[in-house]
Amino acid sequence: MLKWSVRNTQAMSKVPQPRLCQVKKWQHFDGYGFNLHGDKHKPGQLIGKIDDNSPAQAAGLKIGDRIHEIEGVNVMGDNHKQVVQRIQVSGDGTEVRLLVA
């Protein structure tokens, strides 16, 4: 017999849910408005800083978001330089789609 338990509902709700954020550059703003941060002990790159009133903030990025995909390509095994390069060439350099959690 299969039994279900709902005791860990609160713990499950704290797990970051994946979000697709489409960040578009603005003419009056230099760049996307976020910085990357890497943790040597964990895979992937994190959103380390978000500029106020930036395209990144408007797109819903949050400090601590881990980038899982760029334009549908898994980047969890990529290093910092590779992730930066993927972001720079995405959408002719004017927009990027990030799957974050």
C-alpha atoms as a PDB file:
ATOM      1  CA  MET A   1       0.000   0.000   0.000  1.00  0.00           C
ATOM      2  CA  LEU A   2       1.315   3.430  -0.946  1.00  0.00           C
ATOM      3  CA  LYS A   3       1.039   6.140   1.692  1.00  0.00           C
ATOM      4  CA  TRP A   4       1.588   9.852   1.171  1.00  0.00           C
ATOM      5  CA  SER A   5       3.003  12.221   3.717  1.00  0.00           C
ATOM      6  CA  VAL A   6       2.582  15.985   3.678  1.00  0.00           C
ATOM      7  CA  ARG A   7       4.870  16.744   6.617  1.00  0.00           C
ATOM      8  CA  ASN A   8       7.581  18.245   4.416  1.00  0.00           C
ATOM      9  CA  THR A   9       5.311  20.667   2.593  1.00  0.00           C
ATOM     10  CA  GLN A  10       7.137  23.681   4.022  1.00  0.00           C
ATOM     11  CA  ALA A  11      10.556  22.297   3.062  1.00  0.00           C
ATOM     12  CA  MET A  12       9.364  21.612  -0.472  1.00  0.00           C
ATOM     13  CA  SER A  13       7.987  25.136  -0.844  1.00  0.00           C
ATOM     14  CA  LYS A  14      11.471  26.558  -0.106  1.00  0.00           C
ATOM     15  CA  VAL A  15      13.008  24.795  -3.119  1.00  0.00           C
ATOM     16  CA  PRO A  16      13.573  27.432  -5.827  1.00  0.00           C
ATOM     17  CA  GLN A  17      11.197  26.956  -8.726  1.00  0.00           C
ATOM     18  CA  PRO A  18      12.616  27.372 -12.249  1.00  0.00           C
ATOM     19  CA  ARG A  19      11.712  30.614 -14.012  1.00  0.00           C
ATOM     20  CA  LEU A  20      12.353  31.729 -17.562  1.00  0.00           C
ATOM     21  CA  CYS A  21      13.547  35.341 -17.565  1.00  0.00           C
ATOM     22  CA  GLN A  22      13.867  37.207 -20.854  1.00  0.00           C
ATOM     23  CA  VAL A  23      16.225  40.117 -20.346  1.00  0.00           C
ATOM     24  CA  LYS A  24      16.279  42.800 -23.059  1.00  0.00           C
ATOM     25  CA  LYS A  25      18.802  45.625 -23.194  1.00  0.00           C
ATOM     26  CA  TRP A  26      17.460  49.163 -23.068  1.00  0.00           C
ATOM     27  CA  GLN A  27      18.833  52.035 -25.130  1.00  0.00           C
ATOM     28  CA  HIS A  28      19.272  54.238 -22.059  1.00  0.00           C
ATOM     29  CA  PHE A  29      20.946  51.530 -19.913  1.00  0.00           C
ATOM     30  CA  ASP A  30      24.448  50.095 -20.317  1.00  0.00           C
ATOM     31  CA  GLY A  31      24.299  46.272 -20.350  1.00  0.00           C
ATOM     32  CA  TYR A  32      21.740  43.960 -18.774  1.00  0.00           C
ATOM     33  CA  GLY A  33      22.259  45.173 -15.211  1.00  0.00           C
ATOM     34  CA  PHE A  34      23.467  42.053 -13.429  1.00  0.00           C
ATOM     35  CA  ASN A  35      26.755  40.444 -12.399  1.00  0.00           C
ATOM     36  CA  LEU A  36      27.626  36.766 -12.205  1.00  0.00           C
ATOM     37  CA  HIS A  37      29.084  35.041  -9.179  1.00  0.00           C
ATOM     38  CA  GLY A  38      30.583  31.565  -9.107  1.00  0.00           C
ATOM     39  CA  ASP A  39      30.903  29.237  -6.115  1.00  0.00           C
ATOM     40  CA  LYS A  40      33.874  26.864  -6.341  1.00  0.00           C
ATOM     41  CA  HIS A  41      31.984  24.230  -4.349  1.00  0.00           C
ATOM     42  CA  LYS A  42      28.772  24.254  -6.404  1.00  0.00           C
ATOM     43  CA  PRO A  43      28.144  23.931 -10.145  1.00  0.00           C
ATOM     44  CA  GLY A  44      26.911  26.773 -12.300  1.00  0.00           C
ATOM     45  CA  GLN A  45      26.866  30.540 -12.039  1.00  0.00           C
ATOM     46  CA  LEU A  46      24.743  32.652  -9.738  1.00  0.00           C
ATOM     47  CA  ILE A  47      23.265  36.110 -10.133  1.00  0.00           C
ATOM     48  CA  GLY A  48      25.490  38.059  -7.740  1.00  0.00           C
ATOM     49  CA  LYS A  49      24.255  41.633  -8.077  1.00  0.00           C
ATOM     50  CA  ILE A  50      21.348  43.335  -9.815  1.00  0.00           C
ATOM     51  CA  ASP A  51      21.398  47.032 -10.616  1.00  0.00           C
ATOM     52  CA  ASP A  52      18.386  49.078  -9.552  1.00  0.00           C
ATOM     53  CA  ASN A  53      16.008  50.025 -12.354  1.00  0.00           C
ATOM     54  CA  SER A  54      17.782  47.695 -14.782  1.00  0.00           C
ATOM     55  CA  PRO A  55      16.590  45.317 -17.507  1.00  0.00           C
ATOM     56  CA  ALA A  56      17.577  42.400 -15.230  1.00  0.00           C
ATOM     57  CA  GLN A  57      15.425  43.705 -12.387  1.00  0.00           C
ATOM     58  CA  ALA A  58      12.502  44.304 -14.757  1.00  0.00           C
ATOM     59  CA  ALA A  59      12.839  40.740 -16.105  1.00  0.00           C
ATOM     60  CA  GLY A  60      12.519  39.271 -12.601  1.00  0.00           C
ATOM     61  CA  LEU A  61      16.078  38.114 -11.916  1.00  0.00           C
ATOM     62  CA  LYS A  62      16.917  37.837  -8.220  1.00  0.00           C
ATOM     63  CA  ILE A  63      20.192  37.807  -6.335  1.00  0.00           C
ATOM     64  CA  GLY A  64      21.187  34.187  -5.781  1.00  0.00           C
ATOM     65  CA  ASP A  65      19.356  32.811  -8.827  1.00  0.00           C
ATOM     66  CA  ARG A  66      21.381  29.964 -10.353  1.00  0.00           C
ATOM     67  CA  ILE A  67      21.539  30.014 -14.152  1.00  0.00           C
ATOM     68  CA  HIS A  68      20.580  26.583 -15.495  1.00  0.00           C
ATOM     69  CA  GLU A  69      20.109  27.401 -19.178  1.00  0.00           C
ATOM     70  CA  ILE A  70      20.925  30.173 -21.613  1.00  0.00           C
ATOM     71  CA  GLU A  71      18.754  30.212 -24.741  1.00  0.00           C
ATOM     72  CA  GLY A  72      17.704  26.616 -23.994  1.00  0.00           C
ATOM     73  CA  VAL A  73      21.267  25.308 -23.594  1.00  0.00           C
ATOM     74  CA  ASN A  74      22.242  23.750 -20.261  1.00  0.00           C
ATOM     75  CA  VAL A  75      25.183  25.669 -18.767  1.00  0.00           C
ATOM     76  CA  MET A  76      25.480  23.993 -15.375  1.00  0.00           C
ATOM     77  CA  GLY A  77      28.858  22.525 -16.374  1.00  0.00           C
ATOM     78  CA  ASP A  78      30.164  25.728 -17.961  1.00  0.00           C
ATOM     79  CA  ASN A  79      32.709  27.948 -16.260  1.00  0.00           C
ATOM     80  CA  HIS A  80      32.326  31.688 -15.660  1.00  0.00           C
ATOM     81  CA  LYS A  81      33.980  32.734 -18.919  1.00  0.00           C
ATOM     82  CA  GLN A  82      31.823  30.348 -20.991  1.00  0.00           C
ATOM     83  CA  VAL A  83      28.597  31.615 -19.390  1.00  0.00           C
ATOM     84  CA  VAL A  84      29.601  35.249 -19.993  1.00  0.00           C
ATOM     85  CA  GLN A  85      30.362  34.475 -23.643  1.00  0.00           C
ATOM     86  CA  ARG A  86      26.995  32.747 -24.141  1.00  0.00           C
ATOM     87  CA  ILE A  87      25.189  35.735 -22.666  1.00  0.00           C
ATOM     88  CA  GLN A  88      27.132  38.201 -24.833  1.00  0.00           C
ATOM     89  CA  VAL A  89      26.280  36.459 -28.131  1.00  0.00           C
ATOM     90  CA  SER A  90      22.636  35.700 -27.330  1.00  0.00           C
ATOM     91  CA  GLY A  91      19.970  37.493 -29.352  1.00  0.00           C
ATOM     92  CA  ASP A  92      22.505  39.524 -31.321  1.00  0.00           C
ATOM     93  CA  GLY A  93      23.735  40.882 -27.995  1.00  0.00           C
ATOM     94  CA  THR A  94      20.479  42.692 -27.262  1.00  0.00           C
ATOM     95  CA  GLU A  95      18.494  40.092 -25.317  1.00  0.00           C
ATOM     96  CA  VAL A  96      18.967  36.807 -23.505  1.00  0.00           C
ATOM     97  CA  ARG A  97      16.640  34.104 -22.175  1.00  0.00           C
ATOM     98  CA  LEU A  98      17.795  32.621 -18.869  1.00  0.00           C
ATOM     99  CA  LEU A  99      16.305  29.641 -17.069  1.00  0.00           C
ATOM    100  CA  VAL A 100      17.058  30.303 -13.417  1.00  0.00           C
ATOM    101  CA  ALA A 101      16.113  28.806 -10.070  1.00  0.00           C
END
